[in-house]
Protein backbone atom coordinates (compact mmCIF):
# COMPACT_ATOMS: atom_id res chain seq x y z
CA MET A 1 0.00 0.00 0.00
CA ALA A 2 2.91 2.34 0.69
CA LEU A 3 4.05 1.92 -2.89
CA LEU A 4 0.56 2.78 -4.14
CA THR A 5 0.44 5.88 -1.96
CA ASP A 6 3.88 6.95 -3.14
CA LEU A 7 2.79 6.61 -6.78
CA PHE A 8 -0.71 8.09 -6.62
CA GLU A 9 0.09 11.69 -5.71
CA PRO A 10 3.06 12.15 -8.10
CA LEU A 11 0.91 10.68 -10.87
CA ARG A 12 -1.92 13.11 -10.14
CA ARG A 13 0.64 15.93 -10.30
CA GLY A 14 1.57 14.74 -13.78
CA GLU A 15 5.12 13.67 -12.99
CA GLN A 16 6.36 11.73 -15.99
CA ARG A 17 8.46 9.27 -14.02
CA ALA A 18 5.43 8.26 -11.95
CA LEU A 19 3.30 8.05 -15.09
CA GLY A 20 5.78 5.77 -16.82
CA ARG A 21 5.95 3.56 -13.77
CA ALA A 22 2.15 3.36 -13.52
CA ILE A 23 1.85 2.33 -17.17
CA SER A 24 4.43 -0.39 -16.55
CA TRP A 25 2.33 -1.59 -13.60
CA MET A 26 -0.64 -1.98 -15.93
CA GLU A 27 1.39 -3.66 -18.67
CA ASN A 28 3.01 -6.15 -16.34
CA GLY A 29 0.02 -6.96 -14.14
CA HIS A 30 1.55 -5.50 -10.97
CA PRO A 31 -0.37 -6.48 -7.79
CA GLY A 32 -1.07 -2.80 -7.09
CA ALA A 33 -2.41 -2.02 -10.56
CA ARG A 34 -6.06 -2.72 -9.75
CA ASP A 35 -6.04 -0.61 -6.58
CA LEU A 36 -4.29 2.24 -8.40
CA MET A 37 -6.93 2.33 -11.14
CA ALA A 38 -9.72 2.15 -8.55
CA ARG A 39 -8.33 5.24 -6.79
CA LEU A 40 -7.86 7.11 -10.06
CA TRP A 41 -11.26 6.25 -11.53
CA PRO A 42 -13.20 9.18 -9.96
CA HIS A 43 -10.66 11.62 -11.45
CA LEU A 44 -11.11 10.55 -15.09
CA GLY A 45 -13.07 12.01 -18.00
CA ARG A 46 -11.40 15.35 -18.70
CA ALA A 47 -8.95 14.58 -21.52
CA SER A 48 -9.80 14.69 -25.20
CA VAL A 49 -8.77 11.45 -26.93
CA ILE A 50 -7.88 11.41 -30.64
CA GLY A 51 -7.17 8.26 -32.62
CA ILE A 52 -4.92 8.40 -35.68
CA THR A 53 -4.85 5.33 -37.88
CA GLY A 54 -3.96 4.51 -41.47
CA SER A 55 -1.80 2.41 -43.71
CA PRO A 56 1.95 2.05 -43.09
CA GLY A 57 3.78 4.89 -44.80
CA ALA A 58 0.85 7.29 -44.60
CA GLY A 59 2.81 9.65 -42.35
CA LYS A 60 0.86 9.04 -39.14
CA SER A 61 3.86 9.61 -36.87
CA THR A 62 4.85 12.84 -38.57
CA LEU A 63 1.25 14.05 -38.38
CA THR A 64 1.09 13.10 -34.71
CA ASP A 65 4.33 14.98 -34.05
CA GLN A 66 3.03 18.13 -35.73
CA VAL A 67 -0.34 17.96 -33.98
CA ALA A 68 1.34 17.55 -30.59
CA ARG A 69 3.67 20.49 -31.20
CA THR A 70 0.77 22.70 -32.30
CA LEU A 71 -1.25 21.78 -29.21
CA ARG A 72 1.77 22.50 -27.01
CA ALA A 73 2.10 25.94 -28.60
CA GLN A 74 -1.51 26.51 -27.52
CA GLY A 75 -0.63 25.64 -23.92
CA GLN A 76 -1.89 22.06 -23.79
CA ARG A 77 -0.16 19.04 -22.29
CA VAL A 78 -0.19 16.13 -24.72
CA GLY A 79 0.15 12.39 -24.24
CA ILE A 80 1.03 10.16 -27.20
CA LEU A 81 0.50 6.41 -27.22
CA ALA A 82 2.11 4.78 -30.25
CA VAL A 83 0.65 1.29 -30.58
CA ASP A 84 3.43 -0.65 -32.32
CA PRO A 85 3.70 -4.17 -33.69
CA THR A 86 4.68 -6.70 -31.06
CA SER A 87 8.20 -7.97 -31.44
CA PRO A 88 8.06 -11.74 -32.06
CA PHE A 89 11.22 -12.10 -29.98
CA SER A 90 10.79 -9.87 -26.94
CA GLY A 91 7.07 -9.13 -26.87
CA GLY A 92 7.95 -5.45 -26.56
CA ALA A 93 7.13 -2.48 -28.74
CA ILE A 94 9.12 -1.51 -31.80
CA LEU A 95 10.19 2.08 -31.24
CA GLY A 96 10.21 3.38 -34.82
CA ASP A 97 7.33 5.76 -34.21
CA ARG A 98 9.07 7.26 -31.19
CA ILE A 99 12.19 7.87 -33.28
CA ARG A 100 10.14 9.67 -35.94
CA MET A 101 8.54 11.84 -33.26
CA GLY A 102 11.92 12.82 -31.86
CA ARG A 103 11.30 16.54 -32.33
CA CYS A 104 8.66 16.64 -29.60
CA ALA A 105 10.06 13.87 -27.42
CA ALA A 106 12.25 16.28 -25.43
CA ASP A 107 9.32 18.57 -24.52
CA PRO A 108 8.40 18.06 -20.83
CA GLY A 109 4.78 18.85 -21.70
CA ILE A 110 4.61 15.89 -24.09
CA PHE A 111 4.66 12.29 -22.91
CA ILE A 112 5.35 9.55 -25.47
CA ARG A 113 4.93 5.86 -24.82
CA SER A 114 5.25 3.04 -27.32
CA MET A 115 2.81 0.25 -26.54
CA ALA A 116 3.01 -3.30 -27.88
CA THR A 117 -0.23 -4.77 -29.21
CA ARG A 118 0.67 -8.05 -27.43
CA GLY A 119 -1.70 -9.89 -29.76
CA ALA A 120 -4.80 -8.12 -28.48
CA LEU A 121 -7.85 -8.24 -30.71
CA GLY A 122 -8.49 -4.85 -32.28
CA GLY A 123 -4.79 -4.02 -32.27
CA LEU A 124 -5.05 -2.22 -28.94
CA ALA A 125 -3.64 -3.92 -25.88
CA ARG A 126 -5.67 -3.70 -22.71
CA ALA A 127 -2.71 -1.85 -21.23
CA THR A 128 -3.06 0.85 -23.89
CA GLN A 129 -6.57 1.58 -22.69
CA ASP A 130 -5.25 1.74 -19.13
CA ALA A 131 -2.58 4.16 -20.33
CA ILE A 132 -5.25 6.48 -21.78
CA ASP A 133 -6.84 6.64 -18.35
CA LEU A 134 -3.51 7.21 -16.60
CA LEU A 135 -2.70 10.14 -18.91
CA ASP A 136 -6.15 11.55 -18.24
CA ALA A 137 -5.66 11.21 -14.48
CA ALA A 138 -2.23 12.85 -14.76
CA GLY A 139 -3.81 16.00 -16.16
CA PHE A 140 -2.96 15.73 -19.84
CA ASP A 141 -5.36 17.77 -21.96
CA THR A 142 -5.19 15.67 -25.12
CA VAL A 143 -4.24 12.03 -25.62
CA ILE A 144 -3.32 10.89 -29.13
CA VAL A 145 -3.48 7.16 -29.86
CA GLU A 146 -1.57 6.30 -33.02
CA THR A 147 -2.30 2.79 -34.26
CA VAL A 148 -0.11 0.54 -36.34
CA GLY A 149 -2.35 0.46 -39.40
CA VAL A 150 -5.81 -0.34 -40.65
CA GLY A 151 -7.60 -3.65 -40.84
CA GLN A 152 -10.81 -5.29 -39.79
CA ASP A 153 -9.30 -6.33 -36.45
CA GLU A 154 -8.10 -2.76 -35.83
CA VAL A 155 -11.45 -1.01 -35.74
CA ASP A 156 -11.80 -1.37 -31.96
CA VAL A 157 -9.78 1.85 -31.84
CA VAL A 158 -13.06 3.71 -32.35
CA SER A 159 -14.28 2.47 -28.97
CA CYS A 160 -11.24 3.91 -27.21
CA VAL A 161 -11.17 7.42 -28.68
CA GLN A 162 -13.54 10.32 -29.11
CA THR A 163 -12.49 11.23 -32.65
CA CYS A 164 -11.05 8.61 -35.01
CA CYS A 165 -8.94 10.05 -37.83
CA VAL A 166 -8.08 7.89 -40.85
CA VAL A 167 -4.96 8.97 -42.73
CA LEU A 168 -4.72 8.27 -46.47
CA VAL A 169 -2.08 9.29 -49.01
CA PRO A 170 -2.16 9.68 -52.79
CA GLY A 171 -0.64 6.96 -54.92
CA MET A 172 -0.92 4.04 -52.50
CA GLY A 173 -4.38 2.72 -53.34
CA ASP A 174 -5.60 3.63 -49.86
CA GLU A 175 -9.14 4.25 -51.03
CA ILE A 176 -9.39 0.59 -52.05
CA GLN A 177 -7.80 -0.54 -48.79
CA ALA A 178 -10.27 1.57 -46.85
CA ILE A 179 -13.16 -0.27 -48.48
CA LYS A 180 -11.57 -3.64 -47.75
CA ALA A 181 -10.90 -2.76 -44.12
CA GLY A 182 -14.40 -1.42 -43.51
CA ILE A 183 -12.70 1.72 -42.26
CA MET A 184 -15.45 3.97 -43.57
CA GLU A 185 -17.59 2.98 -40.60
CA VAL A 186 -15.06 4.06 -37.98
CA ALA A 187 -13.77 7.31 -39.49
CA ASP A 188 -14.88 10.58 -37.92
CA LEU A 189 -12.39 12.49 -40.01
CA PHE A 190 -10.39 11.70 -43.14
CA VAL A 191 -6.91 13.13 -43.58
CA ILE A 192 -5.24 13.18 -46.97
CA ASN A 193 -1.60 13.51 -45.98
CA LYS A 194 1.22 14.29 -48.42
CA ALA A 195 -1.48 16.22 -50.26
CA ASP A 196 1.14 17.99 -52.37
CA ARG A 197 1.52 14.77 -54.36
CA ASP A 198 -0.31 14.07 -57.58
CA GLY A 199 -3.52 12.17 -57.03
CA ALA A 200 -4.85 14.02 -53.96
CA ASP A 201 -7.97 15.08 -55.88
CA GLN A 202 -8.65 11.46 -56.86
CA VAL A 203 -8.30 10.29 -53.26
CA GLU A 204 -10.75 12.92 -52.06
CA ALA A 205 -13.20 12.06 -54.83
CA GLY A 206 -12.92 8.39 -53.84
CA ILE A 207 -13.63 9.23 -50.20
CA GLU A 208 -16.68 11.28 -51.09
CA SER A 209 -17.95 8.50 -53.33
CA MET A 210 -17.52 5.89 -50.60
CA LYS A 211 -19.15 8.13 -48.00
CA SER A 212 -22.32 8.10 -50.07
CA LEU A 213 -22.42 4.30 -49.74
CA SER A 214 -21.89 4.15 -45.99
CA MET A 215 -24.63 4.17 -43.38
CA PRO A 216 -25.21 7.71 -42.10
CA SER A 217 -24.56 8.31 -38.41
CA GLY A 218 -25.67 11.92 -38.41
CA TRP A 219 -22.07 13.10 -38.68
CA ASP A 220 -20.57 13.60 -42.12
CA PRO A 221 -16.82 12.89 -41.78
CA PRO A 222 -14.97 15.84 -43.31
CA VAL A 223 -11.84 15.55 -45.44
CA VAL A 224 -8.76 17.57 -44.50
CA ARG A 225 -5.59 17.87 -46.56
CA THR A 226 -2.23 18.05 -44.84
CA VAL A 227 1.44 18.02 -45.68
CA ALA A 228 2.62 16.99 -42.24
CA GLN A 229 6.30 17.07 -43.13
CA GLN A 230 5.93 20.80 -43.79
CA GLY A 231 3.46 21.46 -41.00
CA GLU A 232 0.71 22.37 -43.46
CA GLY A 233 -2.96 21.83 -42.67
CA ILE A 234 -2.44 21.05 -38.98
CA GLN A 235 -4.68 23.81 -37.61
CA PRO A 236 -7.54 22.99 -40.02
CA PHE A 237 -7.18 19.37 -38.86
CA LEU A 238 -7.50 20.44 -35.21
CA ASP A 239 -10.46 22.68 -36.09
CA ARG A 240 -12.32 19.71 -37.61
CA VAL A 241 -11.51 17.58 -34.55
CA ALA A 242 -12.93 20.36 -32.34
CA GLU A 243 -16.06 20.55 -34.48
CA HIS A 244 -16.57 16.82 -34.07
CA GLY A 245 -16.24 17.22 -30.31
CA VAL A 246 -18.93 19.90 -30.34
CA TRP A 247 -21.20 17.64 -32.39
CA LEU A 248 -20.66 14.72 -30.00
CA ARG A 249 -21.58 16.82 -27.00
CA ALA A 250 -24.69 18.16 -28.74
CA HIS A 251 -25.95 14.73 -29.80
CA GLY A 252 -25.10 12.51 -26.84
CA GLY A 253 -22.12 11.05 -28.65
CA LEU A 254 -19.67 11.33 -25.76
CA ALA A 255 -21.95 9.30 -23.49
CA ARG A 256 -22.44 6.73 -26.25
CA LYS A 257 -18.72 6.41 -26.85
CA ALA A 258 -18.06 6.19 -23.10
CA ARG A 259 -20.47 3.26 -22.92
CA GLU A 260 -18.84 1.54 -25.93
CA ARG A 261 -15.44 1.92 -24.32
CA ALA A 262 -16.76 0.70 -20.97
CA ARG A 263 -18.15 -2.42 -22.64
CA LEU A 264 -14.83 -3.09 -24.40
CA ARG A 265 -12.87 -2.60 -21.16
CA PHE A 266 -15.23 -4.75 -19.11
CA GLU A 267 -15.42 -7.63 -21.57
CA SER A 268 -11.67 -7.57 -22.18
CA LEU A 269 -10.87 -7.71 -18.46
CA LEU A 270 -13.57 -10.32 -17.89
CA ALA A 271 -12.13 -12.57 -20.61
CA GLU A 272 -8.63 -12.08 -19.23
CA ALA A 273 -9.74 -12.95 -15.67
CA ALA A 274 -11.81 -15.94 -16.81
CA LEU A 275 -8.88 -17.36 -18.76
CA ARG A 276 -6.54 -16.89 -15.83
CA GLN A 277 -8.95 -18.55 -13.41
CA ALA A 278 -9.74 -21.43 -15.77
CA LYS A 279 -6.04 -22.16 -16.22
CA ALA A 280 -5.45 -22.00 -12.47
CA ARG A 281 -8.28 -24.43 -11.74
CA ALA A 282 -7.25 -26.92 -14.41
CA GLY A 283 -3.52 -26.75 -13.75
CA SER A 284 -0.73 -26.28 -16.24
CA ASP A 285 -0.39 -30.01 -17.01
CA LYS A 286 -4.01 -30.30 -18.13
CA VAL A 287 -3.80 -27.13 -20.19
CA GLU A 288 -0.63 -28.26 -21.96
CA ASP A 289 -2.12 -31.73 -22.55
CA ALA A 290 -5.20 -30.16 -24.16
CA ILE A 291 -3.03 -27.98 -26.38
CA GLN A 292 -1.00 -30.97 -27.53
CA ARG A 293 -4.12 -33.03 -28.23
CA ILE A 294 -5.59 -30.18 -30.27
CA ALA A 295 -2.35 -29.98 -32.26
CA ASP A 296 -2.42 -33.77 -32.76
CA ARG A 297 -6.02 -33.59 -34.02
CA THR A 298 -7.19 -35.98 -31.32
CA LEU A 299 -9.28 -33.31 -29.60
CA ASP A 300 -11.16 -30.39 -31.11
CA PRO A 301 -10.68 -26.96 -29.48
CA TYR A 302 -14.37 -26.47 -28.67
CA THR A 303 -14.53 -29.69 -26.67
CA ALA A 304 -11.24 -28.82 -24.98
CA VAL A 305 -12.56 -25.45 -23.82
CA ALA A 306 -15.84 -26.95 -22.64
CA ASP A 307 -13.89 -29.55 -20.67
CA LEU A 308 -11.65 -26.89 -19.14
CA LEU A 309 -14.72 -24.92 -18.04
CA GLY A 310 -16.48 -28.01 -16.72
CA GLU A 311 -19.21 -27.80 -19.38
CA ALA A 312 -18.44 -31.09 -21.14
């Protein structure tokens, strides 16, 4: 309990060392993690949360860097969570995004953390959602969640953020990829980055065409053009994000998104706890035996799970 007390107050003051330690607690399943989140829970709900997703090479990290620097110039404190691919060797996060955001990494008003997906469905580890809450509790005004890419399993990002921004670039066939990924349904804002390239008009026309085929939610996702490398279009991007926030507040969207995120958090933690308890009850030998029998085709996985849960 002393450790929890020592961590709670520095975290609430926004001290980056305490924040980094708290995120590590959540990532590693520290015994004090649950009590820490319980104490912080009444202090949450103030930060704006922006999701930035898109294909590899779309310039998401550069855009994130420029957005963070612009917000800092306006007096905000900014947290950045870069959700990276999980290393197949260490299970840790690949730090390429952090390297590309090096210009703002030295700013004490900006906190950057690379988070490994750790195989989580939706591309967002449970610890990443915890980190959003920790940044909120630490007094950060805006939290930016940059995801590794787009795909059908990645769309859970929309349940974790208030405004989901999909970044496309000319010349990469992103409009086709967006259709394949079903990304139209999660986008609150489209960003055409590297808009100084040939083909930006075609990308925007493709977006507008696809928008006409999607189910209306009452919000028409706008299209913003940026050249993040040059810092162009960043303020118009932030203006559109702010407009979406106003629309959410006027139409009950924030409460709806809070409920969606609560469901995702609850079900994720419930599944994690149920798996842990089922393994503990069965014992490691039985679990490993079931895995081997499934691999040997002598036992199907559905029957194995039912047996593990005592439902067979």
